[in-house]
Amino acid sequence: MEDILHILGARVRQRRAAKHWTIRELAERSGVSVRFLVQLEGGRANISIRRLADLARALETPASSLVGEPENQRAATVALLGLRGAGKTTIGKKLARRLHARFVELDRRIEQTAEMSLGELFSLYGEDYYRRLEREMLASVLAENQPTVLATGGGIVAAHDTYALLKHSAITIWLRATPEDHWKRVVAQGDKRPMADHPQAMADLRALLEARQPLYATADYTIDTSGRAVPDVVDEAGTLIHI
């Protein structure tokens, strides 16, 4: 039920934005209160059939388009999983070009919405706030129903409800790599943070990967990326999802 509410809220917000209306304008046109619309767009409000009909009429769209699952929605989104350094961005961009799809990084969507970096977001508001935005942004991306290759955050698999929504709505691929390759790739990107003032960083990385491995392994497909060229990984991904 929560999955439906988040997708409904994202679709209402998307259609309202397309008409360049404020929430107050939609409230005036639909007869639904501003307070309820705020809760609805945040995925936190149950809605009656009558209110749904009022909203659909105001937005000039069938009610089914707000709550129904679009045909082939799952096939339209390919989600890449893995820790930092898995290759989600590099491989994702190339796979998106092959699929003639857009490439979306979920964490960048979160930063744009919060108007701050992830580091600032965690420092100011904590992980719970990040997880709420992560779920809302995922629902928003899915509600847009466009062919998409989605790079997810490394910890999305630990957020049970959000990961369940992702698995229900997208083809999931775990880009598996050794801890050493994760480490080398992050450092090769110019990020020195993994080793700065953290003598146990590699041990922590190994422990995190080991803890999350059973969750990553529930993805639809697993592709080993260690010691392989990016085009080979993209080719395998394409073959697995029958492109």
C-alpha atoms as a PDB file:
ATOM      1  CA  MET A   1       0.000   0.000   0.000  1.00  0.00           C
ATOM      2  CA  GLU A   2       2.828   2.432   0.847  1.00  0.00           C
ATOM      3  CA  ASP A   3       4.392   1.788  -2.577  1.00  0.00           C
ATOM      4  CA  ILE A   4       1.153   2.810  -4.294  1.00  0.00           C
ATOM      5  CA  LEU A   5       0.857   5.962  -2.178  1.00  0.00           C
ATOM      6  CA  HIS A   6       4.404   7.059  -3.003  1.00  0.00           C
ATOM      7  CA  ILE A   7       3.904   6.497  -6.726  1.00  0.00           C
ATOM      8  CA  LEU A   8       0.510   8.242  -6.626  1.00  0.00           C
ATOM      9  CA  GLY A   9       2.054  11.231  -4.850  1.00  0.00           C
ATOM     10  CA  ALA A  10       4.881  11.409  -7.371  1.00  0.00           C
ATOM     11  CA  ARG A  11       2.470  11.302 -10.307  1.00  0.00           C
ATOM     12  CA  VAL A  12       0.259  14.028  -8.876  1.00  0.00           C
ATOM     13  CA  ARG A  13       3.323  16.210  -8.210  1.00  0.00           C
ATOM     14  CA  GLN A  14       4.656  15.545 -11.722  1.00  0.00           C
ATOM     15  CA  ARG A  15       1.373  16.460 -13.448  1.00  0.00           C
ATOM     16  CA  ARG A  16       0.892  19.532 -11.278  1.00  0.00           C
ATOM     17  CA  ALA A  17       4.418  20.717 -12.091  1.00  0.00           C
ATOM     18  CA  ALA A  18       3.811  20.146 -15.814  1.00  0.00           C
ATOM     19  CA  LYS A  19       0.912  22.611 -15.587  1.00  0.00           C
ATOM     20  CA  HIS A  20       3.078  25.077 -13.590  1.00  0.00           C
ATOM     21  CA  TRP A  21       0.542  25.088 -10.748  1.00  0.00           C
ATOM     22  CA  THR A  22       1.287  25.580  -7.089  1.00  0.00           C
ATOM     23  CA  ILE A  23      -0.251  23.218  -4.560  1.00  0.00           C
ATOM     24  CA  ARG A  24      -2.691  25.989  -3.654  1.00  0.00           C
ATOM     25  CA  GLU A  25      -3.807  26.300  -7.278  1.00  0.00           C
ATOM     26  CA  LEU A  26      -4.423  22.556  -7.506  1.00  0.00           C
ATOM     27  CA  ALA A  27      -6.335  22.708  -4.229  1.00  0.00           C
ATOM     28  CA  GLU A  28      -8.589  25.453  -5.594  1.00  0.00           C
ATOM     29  CA  ARG A  29      -9.237  23.583  -8.848  1.00  0.00           C
ATOM     30  CA  SER A  30      -9.874  20.196  -7.239  1.00  0.00           C
ATOM     31  CA  GLY A  31     -11.536  21.117  -3.957  1.00  0.00           C
ATOM     32  CA  VAL A  32      -8.925  19.052  -2.084  1.00  0.00           C
ATOM     33  CA  SER A  33      -7.276  20.871   0.817  1.00  0.00           C
ATOM     34  CA  VAL A  34      -3.706  22.153   0.642  1.00  0.00           C
ATOM     35  CA  ARG A  35      -2.798  20.191   3.757  1.00  0.00           C
ATOM     36  CA  PHE A  36      -4.065  16.933   2.267  1.00  0.00           C
ATOM     37  CA  LEU A  37      -2.269  17.585  -1.037  1.00  0.00           C
ATOM     38  CA  VAL A  38       1.019  18.139   0.796  1.00  0.00           C
ATOM     39  CA  GLN A  39       0.574  14.785   2.548  1.00  0.00           C
ATOM     40  CA  LEU A  40      -0.520  13.121  -0.695  1.00  0.00           C
ATOM     41  CA  GLU A  41       2.463  14.321  -2.714  1.00  0.00           C
ATOM     42  CA  GLY A  42       4.720  13.120   0.081  1.00  0.00           C
ATOM     43  CA  GLY A  43       3.227   9.626  -0.172  1.00  0.00           C
ATOM     44  CA  ARG A  44       1.679   9.828   3.281  1.00  0.00           C
ATOM     45  CA  ALA A  45      -2.077  10.180   2.647  1.00  0.00           C
ATOM     46  CA  ASN A  46      -4.771   7.626   1.869  1.00  0.00           C
ATOM     47  CA  ILE A  47      -7.201   8.993  -0.676  1.00  0.00           C
ATOM     48  CA  SER A  48     -10.856   8.169  -1.283  1.00  0.00           C
ATOM     49  CA  ILE A  49     -12.192   7.321  -4.731  1.00  0.00           C
ATOM     50  CA  ARG A  50     -14.161  10.579  -4.754  1.00  0.00           C
ATOM     51  CA  ARG A  51     -11.106  12.698  -3.956  1.00  0.00           C
ATOM     52  CA  LEU A  52      -9.070  10.795  -6.527  1.00  0.00           C
ATOM     53  CA  ALA A  53     -11.713  11.529  -9.151  1.00  0.00           C
ATOM     54  CA  ASP A  54     -11.683  15.225  -8.199  1.00  0.00           C
ATOM     55  CA  LEU A  55      -7.901  15.366  -8.554  1.00  0.00           C
ATOM     56  CA  ALA A  56      -7.894  13.518 -11.870  1.00  0.00           C
ATOM     57  CA  ARG A  57     -10.564  15.873 -13.229  1.00  0.00           C
ATOM     58  CA  ALA A  58      -8.584  18.932 -12.169  1.00  0.00           C
ATOM     59  CA  LEU A  59      -5.370  17.531 -13.669  1.00  0.00           C
ATOM     60  CA  GLU A  60      -7.218  16.548 -16.854  1.00  0.00           C
ATOM     61  CA  THR A  61      -6.038  12.956 -16.711  1.00  0.00           C
ATOM     62  CA  PRO A  62      -7.773   9.589 -16.156  1.00  0.00           C
ATOM     63  CA  ALA A  63      -7.769   8.453 -12.529  1.00  0.00           C
ATOM     64  CA  SER A  64      -6.221   5.171 -13.695  1.00  0.00           C
ATOM     65  CA  SER A  65      -3.131   7.059 -14.870  1.00  0.00           C
ATOM     66  CA  LEU A  66      -2.526   8.213 -11.292  1.00  0.00           C
ATOM     67  CA  VAL A  67      -2.841   4.849  -9.560  1.00  0.00           C
ATOM     68  CA  GLY A  68      -2.494   2.148 -12.214  1.00  0.00           C
ATOM     69  CA  GLU A  69       0.782   0.445 -13.010  1.00  0.00           C
ATOM     70  CA  PRO A  70       1.803   1.384 -16.558  1.00  0.00           C
ATOM     71  CA  GLU A  71       2.210  -1.523 -18.926  1.00  0.00           C
ATOM     72  CA  ASN A  72       5.783  -2.814 -19.057  1.00  0.00           C
ATOM     73  CA  GLN A  73       6.894  -0.346 -16.368  1.00  0.00           C
ATOM     74  CA  ARG A  74       9.335  -2.853 -14.924  1.00  0.00           C
ATOM     75  CA  ALA A  75      10.973  -3.425 -18.302  1.00  0.00           C
ATOM     76  CA  ALA A  76      11.355   0.337 -18.743  1.00  0.00           C
ATOM     77  CA  THR A  77      13.775   0.695 -15.815  1.00  0.00           C
ATOM     78  CA  VAL A  78      17.079  -1.082 -15.283  1.00  0.00           C
ATOM     79  CA  ALA A  79      18.542  -0.420 -11.835  1.00  0.00           C
ATOM     80  CA  LEU A  80      22.232  -0.970 -11.084  1.00  0.00           C
ATOM     81  CA  LEU A  81      23.219  -1.989  -7.550  1.00  0.00           C
ATOM     82  CA  GLY A  82      26.508  -2.060  -5.689  1.00  0.00           C
ATOM     83  CA  LEU A  83      28.814  -0.182  -3.351  1.00  0.00           C
ATOM     84  CA  ARG A  84      30.778   2.879  -4.439  1.00  0.00           C
ATOM     85  CA  GLY A  85      33.301   1.801  -7.030  1.00  0.00           C
ATOM     86  CA  ALA A  86      31.047  -0.876  -8.505  1.00  0.00           C
ATOM     87  CA  GLY A  87      30.964   1.011 -11.814  1.00  0.00           C
ATOM     88  CA  LYS A  88      27.314   2.061 -11.693  1.00  0.00           C
ATOM     89  CA  THR A  89      27.929   5.446 -13.300  1.00  0.00           C
ATOM     90  CA  THR A  90      30.468   4.384 -15.930  1.00  0.00           C
ATOM     91  CA  ILE A  91      28.582   1.266 -16.962  1.00  0.00           C
ATOM     92  CA  GLY A  92      25.186   2.890 -16.497  1.00  0.00           C
ATOM     93  CA  LYS A  93      25.871   5.716 -18.948  1.00  0.00           C
ATOM     94  CA  LYS A  94      27.075   3.325 -21.639  1.00  0.00           C
ATOM     95  CA  LEU A  95      24.197   0.920 -21.062  1.00  0.00           C
ATOM     96  CA  ALA A  96      21.728   3.812 -21.271  1.00  0.00           C
ATOM     97  CA  ARG A  97      23.127   4.814 -24.675  1.00  0.00           C
ATOM     98  CA  ARG A  98      22.774   1.244 -25.862  1.00  0.00           C
ATOM     99  CA  LEU A  99      19.166   1.114 -24.658  1.00  0.00           C
ATOM    100  CA  HIS A 100      18.342   4.586 -26.007  1.00  0.00           C
ATOM    101  CA  ALA A 101      17.305   5.387 -22.446  1.00  0.00           C
ATOM    102  CA  ARG A 102      18.095   8.204 -20.060  1.00  0.00           C
ATOM    103  CA  PHE A 103      20.644   7.738 -17.287  1.00  0.00           C
ATOM    104  CA  VAL A 104      19.631   8.819 -13.772  1.00  0.00           C
ATOM    105  CA  GLU A 105      21.716   8.820 -10.602  1.00  0.00           C
ATOM    106  CA  LEU A 106      19.334   8.599  -7.670  1.00  0.00           C
ATOM    107  CA  ASP A 107      21.721  10.348  -5.283  1.00  0.00           C
ATOM    108  CA  ARG A 108      22.017  13.318  -7.666  1.00  0.00           C
ATOM    109  CA  ARG A 109      18.220  13.613  -7.667  1.00  0.00           C
ATOM    110  CA  ILE A 110      18.313  13.638  -3.871  1.00  0.00           C
ATOM    111  CA  GLU A 111      20.985  16.367  -3.820  1.00  0.00           C
ATOM    112  CA  GLN A 112      18.995  18.491  -6.277  1.00  0.00           C
ATOM    113  CA  THR A 113      15.847  18.153  -4.202  1.00  0.00           C
ATOM    114  CA  ALA A 114      17.603  18.861  -0.899  1.00  0.00           C
ATOM    115  CA  GLU A 115      19.739  21.609  -2.511  1.00  0.00           C
ATOM    116  CA  MET A 116      22.814  20.327  -0.731  1.00  0.00           C
ATOM    117  CA  SER A 117      25.437  17.625  -1.052  1.00  0.00           C
ATOM    118  CA  LEU A 118      24.917  14.189   0.471  1.00  0.00           C
ATOM    119  CA  GLY A 119      27.624  14.960   3.010  1.00  0.00           C
ATOM    120  CA  GLU A 120      25.810  18.097   4.120  1.00  0.00           C
ATOM    121  CA  LEU A 121      22.483  16.288   4.148  1.00  0.00           C
ATOM    122  CA  PHE A 122      23.756  13.498   6.402  1.00  0.00           C
ATOM    123  CA  SER A 123      25.556  15.959   8.664  1.00  0.00           C
ATOM    124  CA  LEU A 124      22.535  18.236   9.122  1.00  0.00           C
ATOM    125  CA  TYR A 125      19.585  15.845   9.046  1.00  0.00           C
ATOM    126  CA  GLY A 126      20.892  12.289   9.422  1.00  0.00           C
ATOM    127  CA  GLU A 127      20.285   9.016   7.659  1.00  0.00           C
ATOM    128  CA  ASP A 128      16.521   8.815   8.312  1.00  0.00           C
ATOM    129  CA  TYR A 129      15.937  12.014   6.332  1.00  0.00           C
ATOM    130  CA  TYR A 130      18.150  10.737   3.518  1.00  0.00           C
ATOM    131  CA  ARG A 131      16.224   7.446   3.378  1.00  0.00           C
ATOM    132  CA  ARG A 132      12.912   9.291   3.170  1.00  0.00           C
ATOM    133  CA  LEU A 133      14.158  11.405   0.270  1.00  0.00           C
ATOM    134  CA  GLU A 134      15.625   8.308  -1.375  1.00  0.00           C
ATOM    135  CA  ARG A 135      12.232   6.611  -1.351  1.00  0.00           C
ATOM    136  CA  GLU A 136      10.416   9.716  -2.581  1.00  0.00           C
ATOM    137  CA  MET A 137      12.896  10.268  -5.417  1.00  0.00           C
ATOM    138  CA  LEU A 138      12.732   6.612  -6.452  1.00  0.00           C
ATOM    139  CA  ALA A 139       8.942   6.801  -6.615  1.00  0.00           C
ATOM    140  CA  SER A 140       9.241  10.010  -8.626  1.00  0.00           C
ATOM    141  CA  VAL A 141      11.626   8.464 -11.171  1.00  0.00           C
ATOM    142  CA  LEU A 142       9.395   5.403 -11.565  1.00  0.00           C
ATOM    143  CA  ALA A 143       6.279   7.549 -11.930  1.00  0.00           C
ATOM    144  CA  GLU A 144       7.825   9.311 -14.922  1.00  0.00           C
ATOM    145  CA  ASN A 145       7.638   5.947 -16.746  1.00  0.00           C
ATOM    146  CA  GLN A 146      10.509   6.623 -19.144  1.00  0.00           C
ATOM    147  CA  PRO A 147      13.121   4.123 -20.350  1.00  0.00           C
ATOM    148  CA  THR A 148      15.766   4.556 -17.667  1.00  0.00           C
ATOM    149  CA  VAL A 149      19.048   3.151 -16.455  1.00  0.00           C
ATOM    150  CA  LEU A 150      19.149   4.013 -12.765  1.00  0.00           C
ATOM    151  CA  ALA A 151      22.283   4.119 -10.625  1.00  0.00           C
ATOM    152  CA  THR A 152      21.186   3.573  -7.035  1.00  0.00           C
ATOM    153  CA  GLY A 153      22.903   4.450  -3.772  1.00  0.00           C
ATOM    154  CA  GLY A 154      25.043   1.703  -2.271  1.00  0.00           C
ATOM    155  CA  GLY A 155      22.810   1.326   0.788  1.00  0.00           C
ATOM    156  CA  ILE A 156      19.438   1.155  -0.933  1.00  0.00           C
ATOM    157  CA  VAL A 157      19.346  -2.615  -0.375  1.00  0.00           C
ATOM    158  CA  ALA A 158      19.366  -2.033   3.391  1.00  0.00           C
ATOM    159  CA  ALA A 159      16.201   0.091   3.203  1.00  0.00           C
ATOM    160  CA  HIS A 160      13.700  -2.763   3.081  1.00  0.00           C
ATOM    161  CA  ASP A 161      10.615  -0.945   1.778  1.00  0.00           C
ATOM    162  CA  THR A 162      12.529   1.119  -0.774  1.00  0.00           C
ATOM    163  CA  TYR A 163      14.385  -1.919  -2.084  1.00  0.00           C
ATOM    164  CA  ALA A 164      11.101  -3.835  -2.319  1.00  0.00           C
ATOM    165  CA  LEU A 165       9.634  -1.012  -4.425  1.00  0.00           C
ATOM    166  CA  LEU A 166      12.709  -1.029  -6.656  1.00  0.00           C
ATOM    167  CA  LYS A 167      12.607  -4.796  -7.197  1.00  0.00           C
ATOM    168  CA  HIS A 168       8.892  -4.663  -7.964  1.00  0.00           C
ATOM    169  CA  SER A 169       9.270  -1.851 -10.475  1.00  0.00           C
ATOM    170  CA  ALA A 170      12.647  -2.379 -12.170  1.00  0.00           C
ATOM    171  CA  ILE A 171      15.013  -4.993 -13.515  1.00  0.00           C
ATOM    172  CA  THR A 172      17.849  -5.072 -10.972  1.00  0.00           C
ATOM    173  CA  ILE A 173      21.500  -5.879 -11.690  1.00  0.00           C
ATOM    174  CA  TRP A 174      24.188  -6.195  -9.033  1.00  0.00           C
ATOM    175  CA  LEU A 175      27.594  -5.114 -10.334  1.00  0.00           C
ATOM    176  CA  ARG A 176      29.769  -7.330  -8.161  1.00  0.00           C
ATOM    177  CA  ALA A 177      33.428  -6.517  -7.534  1.00  0.00           C
ATOM    178  CA  THR A 178      36.124  -7.440  -5.052  1.00  0.00           C
ATOM    179  CA  PRO A 179      36.800  -5.086  -2.127  1.00  0.00           C
ATOM    180  CA  GLU A 180      40.188  -4.301  -3.695  1.00  0.00           C
ATOM    181  CA  ASP A 181      38.561  -3.210  -6.953  1.00  0.00           C
ATOM    182  CA  HIS A 182      35.990  -1.083  -5.163  1.00  0.00           C
ATOM    183  CA  TRP A 183      38.869   0.613  -3.357  1.00  0.00           C
ATOM    184  CA  LYS A 184      41.042   1.155  -6.443  1.00  0.00           C
ATOM    185  CA  ARG A 185      38.196   2.557  -8.524  1.00  0.00           C
ATOM    186  CA  VAL A 186      37.173   5.111  -5.911  1.00  0.00           C
ATOM    187  CA  VAL A 187      40.782   6.243  -5.450  1.00  0.00           C
ATOM    188  CA  ALA A 188      41.284   6.368  -9.252  1.00  0.00           C
ATOM    189  CA  GLN A 189      38.403   8.854  -9.396  1.00  0.00           C
ATOM    190  CA  GLY A 190      40.514  11.177  -7.274  1.00  0.00           C
ATOM    191  CA  ASP A 191      38.708  10.486  -4.004  1.00  0.00           C
ATOM    192  CA  LYS A 192      41.285  10.156  -1.231  1.00  0.00           C
ATOM    193  CA  ARG A 193      38.707   9.887   1.542  1.00  0.00           C
ATOM    194  CA  PRO A 194      38.758   6.082   1.801  1.00  0.00           C
ATOM    195  CA  MET A 195      42.232   6.152   3.327  1.00  0.00           C
ATOM    196  CA  ALA A 196      42.340   9.539   5.057  1.00  0.00           C
ATOM    197  CA  ASP A 197      42.554   9.118   8.822  1.00  0.00           C
ATOM    198  CA  HIS A 198      40.959   5.664   8.584  1.00  0.00           C
ATOM    199  CA  PRO A 199      43.585   2.937   9.048  1.00  0.00           C
ATOM    200  CA  GLN A 200      40.795   0.337   9.228  1.00  0.00           C
ATOM    201  CA  ALA A 201      39.095   1.576   6.036  1.00  0.00           C
ATOM    202  CA  MET A 202      39.784  -1.557   3.990  1.00  0.00           C
ATOM    203  CA  ALA A 203      38.633  -3.815   6.819  1.00  0.00           C
ATOM    204  CA  ASP A 204      35.465  -1.720   7.114  1.00  0.00           C
ATOM    205  CA  LEU A 205      34.886  -1.995   3.370  1.00  0.00           C
ATOM    206  CA  ARG A 206      35.259  -5.771   3.483  1.00  0.00           C
ATOM    207  CA  ALA A 207      32.833  -6.028   6.391  1.00  0.00           C
ATOM    208  CA  LEU A 208      30.260  -3.791   4.681  1.00  0.00           C
ATOM    209  CA  LEU A 209      30.436  -5.731   1.442  1.00  0.00           C
ATOM    210  CA  GLU A 210      30.118  -9.028   3.301  1.00  0.00           C
ATOM    211  CA  ALA A 211      27.089  -7.754   5.237  1.00  0.00           C
ATOM    212  CA  ARG A 212      25.285  -6.480   2.149  1.00  0.00           C
ATOM    213  CA  GLN A 213      26.212  -9.311  -0.194  1.00  0.00           C
ATOM    214  CA  PRO A 214      23.125 -11.430   0.637  1.00  0.00           C
ATOM    215  CA  LEU A 215      20.908  -8.418  -0.133  1.00  0.00           C
ATOM    216  CA  TYR A 216      22.672  -7.549  -3.384  1.00  0.00           C
ATOM    217  CA  ALA A 217      22.425 -11.209  -4.377  1.00  0.00           C
ATOM    218  CA  THR A 218      18.617 -10.992  -4.461  1.00  0.00           C
ATOM    219  CA  ALA A 219      18.864  -8.794  -7.582  1.00  0.00           C
ATOM    220  CA  ASP A 220      17.493 -10.251 -10.797  1.00  0.00           C
ATOM    221  CA  TYR A 221      20.994 -10.588 -12.230  1.00  0.00           C
ATOM    222  CA  THR A 222      24.593 -10.465 -11.006  1.00  0.00           C
ATOM    223  CA  ILE A 223      27.515  -9.424 -13.182  1.00  0.00           C
ATOM    224  CA  ASP A 224      31.117  -9.808 -12.027  1.00  0.00           C
ATOM    225  CA  THR A 225      33.035  -6.692 -13.048  1.00  0.00           C
ATOM    226  CA  SER A 226      36.474  -7.351 -11.539  1.00  0.00           C
ATOM    227  CA  GLY A 227      39.188  -7.674 -14.161  1.00  0.00           C
ATOM    228  CA  ARG A 228      36.789  -6.943 -17.019  1.00  0.00           C
ATOM    229  CA  ALA A 229      36.562  -4.148 -19.564  1.00  0.00           C
ATOM    230  CA  VAL A 230      33.548  -1.875 -19.388  1.00  0.00           C
ATOM    231  CA  PRO A 231      32.264  -2.788 -22.906  1.00  0.00           C
ATOM    232  CA  ASP A 232      32.240  -6.474 -21.917  1.00  0.00           C
ATOM    233  CA  VAL A 233      30.138  -5.741 -18.848  1.00  0.00           C
ATOM    234  CA  VAL A 234      27.735  -3.608 -20.904  1.00  0.00           C
ATOM    235  CA  ASP A 235      27.433  -6.414 -23.457  1.00  0.00           C
ATOM    236  CA  GLU A 236      26.608  -8.931 -20.740  1.00  0.00           C
ATOM    237  CA  ALA A 237      24.020  -6.613 -19.225  1.00  0.00           C
ATOM    238  CA  GLY A 238      22.410  -6.197 -22.622  1.00  0.00           C
ATOM    239  CA  THR A 239      22.330  -9.941 -23.158  1.00  0.00           C
ATOM    240  CA  LEU A 240      20.830 -10.630 -19.743  1.00  0.00           C
ATOM    241  CA  ILE A 241      17.924  -8.255 -20.306  1.00  0.00           C
ATOM    242  CA  HIS A 242      17.474  -9.503 -23.861  1.00  0.00           C
ATOM    243  CA  ILE A 243      18.548  -6.473 -25.853  1.00  0.00           C
END
